[in-house]
Amino acid sequence: MSENFAPETVDSLPSWAQKMIGDLRTEAATNRKAAADAQTERDTYRDELTGIASKTALDGLTGILADPEDLARYVDTTTLLGDDGKPDPGKYTEAAQTLISERPHLGIPAPRTAGKSGVEVTGGRTHTPRVADPAAQIAAGTADFVSLVQGAS
């Protein structure tokens, strides 16, 4: 006849077995805590690396968008990840070009074209103003002697 010995509680076991079980439980709890800490640290590093890769992909858009951060404002960047889960620069470029086609004002402004003289059209004066000759102004009738004297004082 075999005897089935199945104690219901740890307290019913011999003291050496209770100590061993207590030690194993403590070790398991320590390992669970270490595993949770390692997972948290892994997630932190993963987020940092994703941020770096995302910044690198956004920096590649400086020739396309006036402000590369606009892509993240108007497009869900989680859809721009590659098969490896990292930001895919090709998808970023494609999304930026699509964004510019929908919102052209977000792109880099076209360079101003040159006027007939070949000088870039800037809307402002590109030359230094001439220093007026008071005698010539009086002779031409564009200024009078009194105005010139009052302006000079």
N, C-alpha and C. Protein backbone atom coordinates (compact mmCIF):
# COMPACT_ATOMS: atom_id res chain seq x y z
N MET A 1 0.82 -1.17 0.00
CA MET A 1 0.00 0.00 0.00
C MET A 1 0.87 1.24 0.00
N SER A 2 0.59 2.09 -0.94
CA SER A 2 1.37 3.32 -0.95
C SER A 2 0.58 4.41 -0.25
N GLU A 3 1.31 5.17 0.42
CA GLU A 3 0.69 6.21 1.21
C GLU A 3 0.80 7.53 0.45
N ASN A 4 -0.30 8.22 0.22
CA ASN A 4 -0.29 9.52 -0.43
C ASN A 4 -0.10 10.60 0.62
N PHE A 5 1.06 11.24 0.52
CA PHE A 5 1.35 12.28 1.47
C PHE A 5 1.31 13.60 0.72
N ALA A 6 0.29 14.39 0.94
CA ALA A 6 0.15 15.70 0.30
C ALA A 6 -0.23 16.71 1.36
N PRO A 7 0.76 17.38 1.93
CA PRO A 7 0.45 18.35 2.96
C PRO A 7 -0.32 19.53 2.36
N GLU A 8 -1.16 20.11 3.13
CA GLU A 8 -2.01 21.19 2.66
C GLU A 8 -1.34 22.56 2.78
N THR A 9 -0.44 22.73 3.69
CA THR A 9 0.23 24.01 3.87
C THR A 9 1.72 23.79 4.03
N VAL A 10 2.46 24.90 3.82
CA VAL A 10 3.90 24.84 3.99
C VAL A 10 4.23 24.62 5.46
N ASP A 11 3.37 25.13 6.32
CA ASP A 11 3.62 25.00 7.75
C ASP A 11 3.64 23.55 8.22
N SER A 12 2.99 22.67 7.45
CA SER A 12 2.96 21.27 7.86
C SER A 12 4.21 20.52 7.43
N LEU A 13 5.09 21.15 6.66
CA LEU A 13 6.34 20.52 6.21
C LEU A 13 7.40 20.66 7.30
N PRO A 14 8.44 19.87 7.20
CA PRO A 14 9.54 20.00 8.16
C PRO A 14 10.21 21.37 8.01
N SER A 15 10.88 21.81 9.02
CA SER A 15 11.46 23.16 9.05
C SER A 15 12.50 23.35 7.95
N TRP A 16 13.31 22.34 7.63
CA TRP A 16 14.30 22.48 6.57
C TRP A 16 13.61 22.72 5.22
N ALA A 17 12.46 22.07 4.98
CA ALA A 17 11.73 22.25 3.73
C ALA A 17 11.07 23.64 3.70
N GLN A 18 10.57 24.09 4.84
CA GLN A 18 9.97 25.43 4.92
C GLN A 18 11.01 26.50 4.59
N LYS A 19 12.22 26.31 5.13
CA LYS A 19 13.30 27.27 4.87
C LYS A 19 13.66 27.27 3.40
N MET A 20 13.78 26.09 2.79
CA MET A 20 14.12 25.99 1.38
C MET A 20 13.04 26.67 0.51
N ILE A 21 11.79 26.42 0.81
CA ILE A 21 10.69 27.03 0.06
C ILE A 21 10.71 28.55 0.22
N GLY A 22 10.94 29.02 1.43
CA GLY A 22 11.01 30.45 1.68
C GLY A 22 12.15 31.09 0.90
N ASP A 23 13.32 30.42 0.89
CA ASP A 23 14.47 30.94 0.14
C ASP A 23 14.18 30.98 -1.36
N LEU A 24 13.54 29.93 -1.88
CA LEU A 24 13.21 29.88 -3.31
C LEU A 24 12.18 30.96 -3.68
N ARG A 25 11.24 31.19 -2.80
CA ARG A 25 10.24 32.24 -3.07
C ARG A 25 10.90 33.63 -3.07
N THR A 26 11.81 33.85 -2.14
CA THR A 26 12.52 35.13 -2.08
C THR A 26 13.36 35.32 -3.34
N GLU A 27 14.05 34.26 -3.74
CA GLU A 27 14.87 34.32 -4.96
C GLU A 27 13.99 34.59 -6.19
N ALA A 28 12.85 33.93 -6.27
CA ALA A 28 11.93 34.12 -7.41
C ALA A 28 11.41 35.56 -7.43
N ALA A 29 11.08 36.11 -6.27
CA ALA A 29 10.59 37.49 -6.21
C ALA A 29 11.69 38.46 -6.65
N THR A 30 12.92 38.21 -6.21
CA THR A 30 14.05 39.05 -6.61
C THR A 30 14.25 38.99 -8.12
N ASN A 31 14.15 37.78 -8.68
CA ASN A 31 14.32 37.62 -10.12
C ASN A 31 13.18 38.28 -10.90
N ARG A 32 11.95 38.19 -10.39
CA ARG A 32 10.82 38.86 -11.06
C ARG A 32 11.02 40.36 -11.07
N LYS A 33 11.50 40.90 -9.95
CA LYS A 33 11.75 42.34 -9.85
C LYS A 33 12.87 42.75 -10.81
N ALA A 34 13.94 41.96 -10.87
CA ALA A 34 15.05 42.26 -11.78
C ALA A 34 14.58 42.19 -13.23
N ALA A 35 13.73 41.22 -13.56
CA ALA A 35 13.20 41.09 -14.92
C ALA A 35 12.33 42.29 -15.27
N ALA A 36 11.49 42.74 -14.34
CA ALA A 36 10.65 43.92 -14.58
C ALA A 36 11.51 45.16 -14.78
N ASP A 37 12.56 45.30 -13.97
CA ASP A 37 13.47 46.44 -14.12
C ASP A 37 14.19 46.40 -15.47
N ALA A 38 14.61 45.20 -15.89
CA ALA A 38 15.29 45.05 -17.18
C ALA A 38 14.34 45.38 -18.34
N GLN A 39 13.09 44.99 -18.23
CA GLN A 39 12.11 45.31 -19.28
C GLN A 39 11.88 46.81 -19.35
N THR A 40 11.80 47.46 -18.22
CA THR A 40 11.61 48.91 -18.20
C THR A 40 12.82 49.60 -18.83
N GLU A 41 14.00 49.16 -18.48
CA GLU A 41 15.22 49.73 -19.04
C GLU A 41 15.29 49.48 -20.55
N ARG A 42 14.92 48.27 -20.98
CA ARG A 42 14.91 47.94 -22.40
C ARG A 42 13.94 48.86 -23.15
N ASP A 43 12.75 49.06 -22.59
CA ASP A 43 11.76 49.92 -23.23
C ASP A 43 12.25 51.37 -23.32
N THR A 44 12.94 51.82 -22.28
CA THR A 44 13.49 53.18 -22.29
C THR A 44 14.53 53.32 -23.39
N TYR A 45 15.43 52.35 -23.50
CA TYR A 45 16.46 52.41 -24.55
C TYR A 45 15.83 52.28 -25.94
N ARG A 46 14.81 51.44 -26.07
CA ARG A 46 14.13 51.30 -27.36
C ARG A 46 13.50 52.63 -27.77
N ASP A 47 12.86 53.30 -26.82
CA ASP A 47 12.24 54.60 -27.12
C ASP A 47 13.30 55.63 -27.51
N GLU A 48 14.44 55.62 -26.81
CA GLU A 48 15.52 56.55 -27.14
C GLU A 48 16.06 56.28 -28.54
N LEU A 49 16.28 55.01 -28.87
CA LEU A 49 16.80 54.66 -30.19
C LEU A 49 15.79 55.00 -31.29
N THR A 50 14.52 54.76 -31.02
CA THR A 50 13.49 55.10 -32.00
C THR A 50 13.46 56.61 -32.20
N GLY A 51 13.60 57.36 -31.12
CA GLY A 51 13.64 58.82 -31.22
C GLY A 51 14.83 59.30 -32.03
N ILE A 52 15.98 58.68 -31.82
CA ILE A 52 17.18 59.04 -32.58
C ILE A 52 16.99 58.70 -34.05
N ALA A 53 16.48 57.51 -34.33
CA ALA A 53 16.26 57.10 -35.72
C ALA A 53 15.21 58.00 -36.38
N SER A 54 14.18 58.35 -35.63
CA SER A 54 13.15 59.24 -36.16
C SER A 54 13.73 60.62 -36.46
N LYS A 55 14.57 61.13 -35.55
CA LYS A 55 15.20 62.44 -35.76
C LYS A 55 16.10 62.39 -36.99
N THR A 56 16.82 61.30 -37.15
CA THR A 56 17.69 61.14 -38.32
C THR A 56 16.86 61.13 -39.60
N ALA A 57 15.73 60.42 -39.56
CA ALA A 57 14.86 60.38 -40.74
C ALA A 57 14.27 61.76 -41.02
N LEU A 58 13.89 62.49 -39.96
CA LEU A 58 13.35 63.84 -40.14
C LEU A 58 14.43 64.80 -40.66
N ASP A 59 15.66 64.63 -40.19
CA ASP A 59 16.76 65.49 -40.66
C ASP A 59 17.00 65.29 -42.15
N GLY A 60 16.66 64.11 -42.67
CA GLY A 60 16.80 63.86 -44.10
C GLY A 60 15.78 64.61 -44.93
N LEU A 61 14.80 65.24 -44.28
CA LEU A 61 13.75 65.96 -45.00
C LEU A 61 14.02 67.45 -45.09
N THR A 62 15.19 67.91 -44.64
CA THR A 62 15.48 69.34 -44.63
C THR A 62 15.46 69.93 -46.03
N GLY A 63 15.71 69.15 -47.06
CA GLY A 63 15.67 69.66 -48.42
C GLY A 63 14.29 69.60 -49.03
N ILE A 64 13.31 69.04 -48.29
CA ILE A 64 11.96 68.87 -48.83
C ILE A 64 10.96 69.76 -48.11
N LEU A 65 10.99 69.71 -46.78
CA LEU A 65 10.05 70.50 -45.97
C LEU A 65 10.76 71.70 -45.35
N ALA A 66 10.06 72.81 -45.26
CA ALA A 66 10.64 73.99 -44.61
C ALA A 66 10.93 73.68 -43.15
N ASP A 67 10.02 72.96 -42.49
CA ASP A 67 10.21 72.52 -41.10
C ASP A 67 9.93 71.03 -41.06
N PRO A 68 10.96 70.17 -40.99
CA PRO A 68 10.74 68.73 -41.00
C PRO A 68 9.81 68.23 -39.90
N GLU A 69 9.69 68.98 -38.80
CA GLU A 69 8.78 68.58 -37.72
C GLU A 69 7.32 68.61 -38.18
N ASP A 70 7.03 69.33 -39.28
CA ASP A 70 5.67 69.37 -39.80
C ASP A 70 5.17 67.97 -40.18
N LEU A 71 6.07 67.10 -40.57
CA LEU A 71 5.66 65.76 -40.95
C LEU A 71 4.99 65.06 -39.77
N ALA A 72 5.59 65.20 -38.59
CA ALA A 72 5.02 64.57 -37.39
C ALA A 72 3.70 65.25 -36.98
N ARG A 73 3.52 66.51 -37.37
CA ARG A 73 2.28 67.21 -37.03
C ARG A 73 1.10 66.77 -37.89
N TYR A 74 1.39 66.40 -39.14
CA TYR A 74 0.31 66.11 -40.08
C TYR A 74 0.20 64.64 -40.47
N VAL A 75 1.20 63.83 -40.15
CA VAL A 75 1.21 62.42 -40.55
C VAL A 75 1.47 61.56 -39.31
N ASP A 76 0.78 60.44 -39.24
CA ASP A 76 1.01 59.49 -38.15
C ASP A 76 2.32 58.76 -38.45
N THR A 77 3.38 59.09 -37.72
CA THR A 77 4.70 58.55 -38.02
C THR A 77 4.83 57.07 -37.68
N THR A 78 3.88 56.51 -36.96
CA THR A 78 3.96 55.07 -36.68
C THR A 78 3.72 54.27 -37.96
N THR A 79 3.12 54.90 -38.97
CA THR A 79 2.92 54.21 -40.25
C THR A 79 4.17 54.28 -41.12
N LEU A 80 5.18 54.98 -40.68
CA LEU A 80 6.40 55.16 -41.47
C LEU A 80 7.53 54.26 -41.00
N LEU A 81 7.19 53.22 -40.26
CA LEU A 81 8.19 52.29 -39.74
C LEU A 81 8.44 51.18 -40.75
N GLY A 82 9.68 50.72 -40.78
CA GLY A 82 10.03 49.60 -41.65
C GLY A 82 9.64 48.28 -41.01
N ASP A 83 9.99 47.19 -41.69
CA ASP A 83 9.67 45.85 -41.18
C ASP A 83 10.39 45.56 -39.87
N ASP A 84 11.51 46.23 -39.64
CA ASP A 84 12.28 46.02 -38.40
C ASP A 84 11.78 46.87 -37.25
N GLY A 85 10.74 47.68 -37.49
CA GLY A 85 10.17 48.52 -36.43
C GLY A 85 10.87 49.86 -36.28
N LYS A 86 11.87 50.12 -37.10
CA LYS A 86 12.60 51.39 -37.04
C LYS A 86 12.06 52.34 -38.11
N PRO A 87 12.20 53.63 -37.90
CA PRO A 87 11.75 54.59 -38.91
C PRO A 87 12.46 54.35 -40.25
N ASP A 88 11.68 54.30 -41.32
CA ASP A 88 12.20 54.05 -42.65
C ASP A 88 12.36 55.38 -43.39
N PRO A 89 13.61 55.82 -43.66
CA PRO A 89 13.82 57.11 -44.32
C PRO A 89 13.10 57.22 -45.67
N GLY A 90 12.98 56.13 -46.40
CA GLY A 90 12.28 56.15 -47.67
C GLY A 90 10.80 56.47 -47.50
N LYS A 91 10.20 55.88 -46.48
CA LYS A 91 8.79 56.16 -46.20
C LYS A 91 8.61 57.59 -45.72
N TYR A 92 9.58 58.09 -44.97
CA TYR A 92 9.52 59.48 -44.51
C TYR A 92 9.56 60.43 -45.71
N THR A 93 10.46 60.16 -46.66
CA THR A 93 10.59 61.01 -47.84
C THR A 93 9.31 60.97 -48.67
N GLU A 94 8.78 59.78 -48.86
CA GLU A 94 7.53 59.63 -49.63
C GLU A 94 6.38 60.36 -48.95
N ALA A 95 6.29 60.23 -47.63
CA ALA A 95 5.23 60.91 -46.89
C ALA A 95 5.40 62.43 -46.96
N ALA A 96 6.63 62.90 -46.92
CA ALA A 96 6.89 64.35 -47.00
C ALA A 96 6.48 64.88 -48.37
N GLN A 97 6.78 64.14 -49.42
CA GLN A 97 6.41 64.58 -50.77
C GLN A 97 4.89 64.57 -50.94
N THR A 98 4.22 63.58 -50.36
CA THR A 98 2.76 63.55 -50.40
C THR A 98 2.19 64.72 -49.62
N LEU A 99 2.79 65.02 -48.47
CA LEU A 99 2.33 66.14 -47.65
C LEU A 99 2.48 67.46 -48.41
N ILE A 100 3.58 67.63 -49.12
CA ILE A 100 3.79 68.86 -49.88
C ILE A 100 2.79 68.97 -51.02
N SER A 101 2.44 67.84 -51.62
CA SER A 101 1.46 67.90 -52.71
C SER A 101 0.09 68.31 -52.17
N GLU A 102 -0.20 67.94 -50.93
CA GLU A 102 -1.49 68.31 -50.32
C GLU A 102 -1.44 69.70 -49.69
N ARG A 103 -0.27 70.07 -49.16
CA ARG A 103 -0.10 71.36 -48.47
C ARG A 103 1.20 72.01 -48.94
N PRO A 104 1.17 72.63 -50.11
CA PRO A 104 2.40 73.18 -50.69
C PRO A 104 3.10 74.22 -49.82
N HIS A 105 2.35 74.91 -48.98
CA HIS A 105 2.98 75.94 -48.14
C HIS A 105 3.96 75.37 -47.12
N LEU A 106 3.94 74.05 -46.91
CA LEU A 106 4.87 73.44 -45.95
C LEU A 106 6.23 73.14 -46.58
N GLY A 107 6.30 73.20 -47.92
CA GLY A 107 7.56 72.92 -48.60
C GLY A 107 8.51 74.10 -48.53
N ILE A 108 9.68 73.86 -49.02
CA ILE A 108 10.68 74.93 -49.08
C ILE A 108 10.26 75.89 -50.18
N PRO A 109 10.20 77.19 -49.90
CA PRO A 109 9.79 78.14 -50.93
C PRO A 109 10.74 78.10 -52.13
N ALA A 110 10.15 78.26 -53.29
CA ALA A 110 10.97 78.27 -54.51
C ALA A 110 11.87 79.50 -54.50
N PRO A 111 13.08 79.35 -55.02
CA PRO A 111 13.97 80.51 -55.05
C PRO A 111 13.38 81.60 -55.96
N ARG A 112 13.63 82.82 -55.59
CA ARG A 112 13.13 83.94 -56.38
C ARG A 112 13.87 83.99 -57.70
N THR A 113 13.15 84.26 -58.73
CA THR A 113 13.77 84.33 -60.04
C THR A 113 14.40 85.68 -60.26
N ALA A 114 15.36 85.72 -61.14
CA ALA A 114 16.06 86.96 -61.43
C ALA A 114 15.22 87.83 -62.35
N GLY A 115 15.34 89.12 -62.16
CA GLY A 115 14.65 90.06 -63.02
C GLY A 115 15.36 90.18 -64.36
N LYS A 116 14.93 91.12 -65.19
CA LYS A 116 15.51 91.29 -66.52
C LYS A 116 16.99 91.64 -66.45
N SER A 117 17.40 92.29 -65.37
CA SER A 117 18.80 92.69 -65.26
C SER A 117 19.69 91.54 -64.78
N GLY A 118 19.06 90.43 -64.39
CA GLY A 118 19.83 89.30 -63.88
C GLY A 118 20.06 89.35 -62.39
N VAL A 119 19.55 90.42 -61.75
CA VAL A 119 19.70 90.56 -60.31
C VAL A 119 18.50 89.90 -59.65
N GLU A 120 18.73 89.20 -58.57
CA GLU A 120 17.64 88.51 -57.87
C GLU A 120 16.61 89.54 -57.41
N VAL A 121 15.34 89.19 -57.61
CA VAL A 121 14.26 90.06 -57.20
C VAL A 121 14.01 89.83 -55.72
N THR A 122 14.26 90.85 -54.90
CA THR A 122 14.11 90.69 -53.46
C THR A 122 13.04 91.57 -52.89
N GLY A 123 12.57 92.53 -53.65
CA GLY A 123 11.54 93.42 -53.14
C GLY A 123 12.12 94.60 -52.38
N GLY A 124 13.37 94.58 -52.08
CA GLY A 124 13.99 95.67 -51.35
C GLY A 124 15.07 96.31 -52.20
N ARG A 125 15.62 97.38 -51.72
CA ARG A 125 16.69 98.04 -52.46
C ARG A 125 17.97 97.22 -52.33
N THR A 126 18.61 97.04 -53.43
CA THR A 126 19.87 96.30 -53.42
C THR A 126 21.06 97.21 -53.59
N HIS A 127 20.81 98.51 -53.84
CA HIS A 127 21.91 99.45 -54.02
C HIS A 127 21.85 100.49 -52.90
N THR A 128 22.96 101.15 -52.74
CA THR A 128 22.99 102.19 -51.72
C THR A 128 22.39 103.47 -52.30
N PRO A 129 21.60 104.18 -51.53
CA PRO A 129 21.00 105.40 -52.06
C PRO A 129 22.08 106.44 -52.36
N ARG A 130 21.83 107.23 -53.41
CA ARG A 130 22.80 108.25 -53.79
C ARG A 130 22.75 109.40 -52.78
N VAL A 131 23.88 109.96 -52.54
CA VAL A 131 23.94 111.15 -51.69
C VAL A 131 23.59 112.33 -52.61
N ALA A 132 22.53 113.03 -52.22
CA ALA A 132 22.04 114.11 -53.09
C ALA A 132 22.93 115.35 -52.99
N ASP A 133 23.09 116.00 -54.12
CA ASP A 133 23.82 117.27 -54.19
C ASP A 133 22.79 118.38 -53.98
N PRO A 134 22.87 119.14 -52.87
CA PRO A 134 21.86 120.17 -52.59
C PRO A 134 21.72 121.19 -53.72
N ALA A 135 22.82 121.59 -54.31
CA ALA A 135 22.74 122.58 -55.39
C ALA A 135 21.98 122.00 -56.58
N ALA A 136 22.20 120.71 -56.88
CA ALA A 136 21.51 120.07 -58.00
C ALA A 136 20.03 119.91 -57.70
N GLN A 137 19.69 119.61 -56.45
CA GLN A 137 18.29 119.49 -56.08
C GLN A 137 17.57 120.84 -56.22
N ILE A 138 18.20 121.91 -55.80
CA ILE A 138 17.58 123.25 -55.90
C ILE A 138 17.42 123.61 -57.38
N ALA A 139 18.44 123.30 -58.18
CA ALA A 139 18.39 123.63 -59.61
C ALA A 139 17.31 122.82 -60.30
N ALA A 140 17.10 121.58 -59.90
CA ALA A 140 16.09 120.72 -60.53
C ALA A 140 14.70 121.02 -60.01
N GLY A 141 14.57 121.75 -58.94
CA GLY A 141 13.28 122.08 -58.38
C GLY A 141 12.72 121.00 -57.47
N THR A 142 13.52 119.99 -57.11
CA THR A 142 13.05 118.93 -56.22
C THR A 142 13.21 119.30 -54.76
N ALA A 143 13.92 120.35 -54.48
CA ALA A 143 14.08 120.83 -53.11
C ALA A 143 14.30 122.33 -53.16
N ASP A 144 13.96 122.96 -52.07
CA ASP A 144 14.22 124.39 -52.02
C ASP A 144 15.25 124.66 -50.94
N PHE A 145 15.85 125.84 -51.02
CA PHE A 145 16.91 126.22 -50.12
C PHE A 145 16.47 126.16 -48.66
N VAL A 146 15.26 126.62 -48.34
CA VAL A 146 14.77 126.67 -46.96
C VAL A 146 14.64 125.25 -46.39
N SER A 147 14.08 124.31 -47.18
CA SER A 147 13.91 122.94 -46.71
C SER A 147 15.26 122.29 -46.43
N LEU A 148 16.21 122.53 -47.29
CA LEU A 148 17.54 121.95 -47.10
C LEU A 148 18.19 122.51 -45.86
N VAL A 149 18.06 123.82 -45.62
CA VAL A 149 18.68 124.44 -44.44
C VAL A 149 17.98 123.94 -43.19
N GLN A 150 16.66 123.84 -43.20
CA GLN A 150 15.94 123.38 -42.00
C GLN A 150 16.25 121.91 -41.72
N GLY A 151 16.37 121.09 -42.75
CA GLY A 151 16.68 119.67 -42.55
C GLY A 151 18.08 119.45 -42.06
N ALA A 152 18.97 120.40 -42.35
CA ALA A 152 20.37 120.24 -41.96
C ALA A 152 20.61 120.64 -40.53
N SER A 153 19.71 121.44 -39.94
CA SER A 153 19.97 121.92 -38.60
C SER A 153 19.57 120.95 -37.56
